Amino acid sequence: MSELGLKVRYPKKFKITTDSDHNDSISPNTLDRQFTVTSPNKVWTTDITYIWTLEGWIYLAVVIDLFSRQVVGWTINEHMRTSLCVNALQMAFWRRKPRPGLLHHSDRSSQYANKEYRNHLSVMKIKQSMSRKGNCWDNSPTERFFRSLKSEQLNHEKFRTKEAAKLSIIDYLAFYNGKRTHSKLGYKPPLEFERDFHKKQA
């Protein structure tokens, strides 16, 4: 980058999305940074990020399958209440229909720790894992996705409306799952990596 005269672009605005100052129960860090997964629907990770527009903030929650790094569930809204995260989880669940016992990892924010979210996990027969306090590395694959989303797409645009930002996010999600290659996946996009896996299994 230095030789080419390239400079990194950084976001201009910052907003905290993790509120771990609550009295809800905290699940153990069962995942423990074991980010290499051998088949789909064994481990999902999730988190929330924020996007600034000239009309105000919007929030994106995603659910990622660690096997292929595919974004299997997502939702965008103007708030970051628990329902934002529940909607992303429900999309992932109904799209993937995982067997009981899938491990779900998140930070320890109130959205994931409260009774409403835990009830959904219980009904879906999903086990919960949480990062240690203030330790972003425990959920680094999801953090890495957000970094890619912002550095490759969102940070290069100034959104006049929330709707314009939503369309840009959706555009990137389609690109990320279907075309963006990953060194972790042998330089294949997530969808192609999963298709190849299922062909071998067949």
Foldseek 3Di string as FASTA:
>chain_A
DVVVVDDFFDDPDDDDDFDLPDDFDAAAQPCQLVLADDAWQQEKEKDKDWAAALVGIKMKIFIATSHLRAGQFMDIGRDNALVRNVRRVVSNCVRPVHDAEREYEYANGPSCRDPVNVVVCVVSNYHYHHDDPPDCSSRVSVVVVVVCLCRVFRSVDHHHDPVVVVVRSVVVSCCQQQPQFDVVQVGHRSVVSNVVVVVVVD
